[in-house]
Amino acid sequence: MPRTFSRAVLAGALALAAAAASAQEVNLYSSRHYDTDERLYTDFEKATGIKVNRIEAGADELIERMKAEGRNSPADVFLTTDAGRMWRAEEAGILAPVESELLDEKIPEHLRHPDDLWFGFSQRARIIFYDKQDVTEPPQTYAELADPKWKGRVCTRSGSNIYMLSLLAAKIAHDGEEAATEWAQGLWDNRARDPQGGDTDQLRAIVSGECDVVLANTYYFARALRTEVDGVSAHVDRIGWVFPDQDGAGAHVNVSAGAMAAHAPHPEAAKAFLEYLASDSAQAYFSKGNDEYPVVEGVEQAESTAQLGEFKADELNLAELGRNQARAQMIYDSVGYE
């Protein structure tokens, strides 16, 4: 079956869902903290007449809140970043499967839960950035980051960070726990400094000369290409990048994802909202508004991400990242990765 839906088909699906949810609202619990998402909500309201009520907080806080609320929870949709956080929500029992031919057709299989408990709606790749002044032959694979030749030159976020956990969880899925442990040990031994800060701070550490090679998500750098990011944008010509493992599994990707709440009081409105996030307009806005990659085939990506070039993405089903999350944390802890 082709992986495309016409605008008319999508509009019809949204209209039917909106009609079923007429005069309703949708209560969105979101840990996405991007101001640009406002456009997503206002466009949905205009297209369907369904009002979006938002509660915004950290993912773990929202998960705990939904657990505490139980069957009385007003949440209809849970929206967050990283499949690892979606796994935590799944384990907490706060998600419900969504039967949607549109979502199953438009969202690639590896970017959604096998049982349709959640769906990825935008992508970011976790790749290697390097100092072009000091590095002439940058690492081409994640494995190379653990090679002793990079001792004292690599910077990353903390081993408890969800992005780092998901990357190691993918390593476990591909290579097994023993190889993943060896890699984590080598990465830790190669650190230029103890982990600190967020992804933007890793990029700034290249500019300052503190780190020669770092791991960061693409949208942090792409944002610096599009708009002013202090300590990065003025120095983007100094920063090079590599999409790792292009001759192997491909670059590690993760998602922003959405799911229906287990006790959603407005399930049809929730489904309409999730289907809307797969529309061409919403997908384009995910990309152009926040420098992420769309998940729906054929949607034009942002100029900022296009500047990074085409790449082969790892097609490991992202549900594996959650299943391996606890083991990933144990491995980081076992090698002393702070």
Foldseek 3Di string as FASTA:
>chain_A
DDLDDDPVVLLVLLAVLLVVQDPEAAEEEEQDDAPLCVVLQVVSCVSRVHHYHYDYDHLVVVLVVLLVCDLVDQHFKYWYWFVQSVLVSVVSVWFDADDDPLQPSFFDPLQADVRRRKGFFFKWFWWKKFFQVPDDDDDQALQCLLPCVLALAEAEAFLPDLVNLLVLLVVCVVPNLVSSLSSLLSNQRRHNDAHDDAQLVRQLCSVVVSHGMYIHILLSLLVLCVDPDPSHVVCVVRMDIHFHDQVHQTTEMIGTMMGTTPNHPRNSVSVSSRSSSSDLVNQQSVFQVRVTHGRGPPRDGHPSVVVNPDIRYRSRRSNSSNVCSVVSSVSCVVSPRD
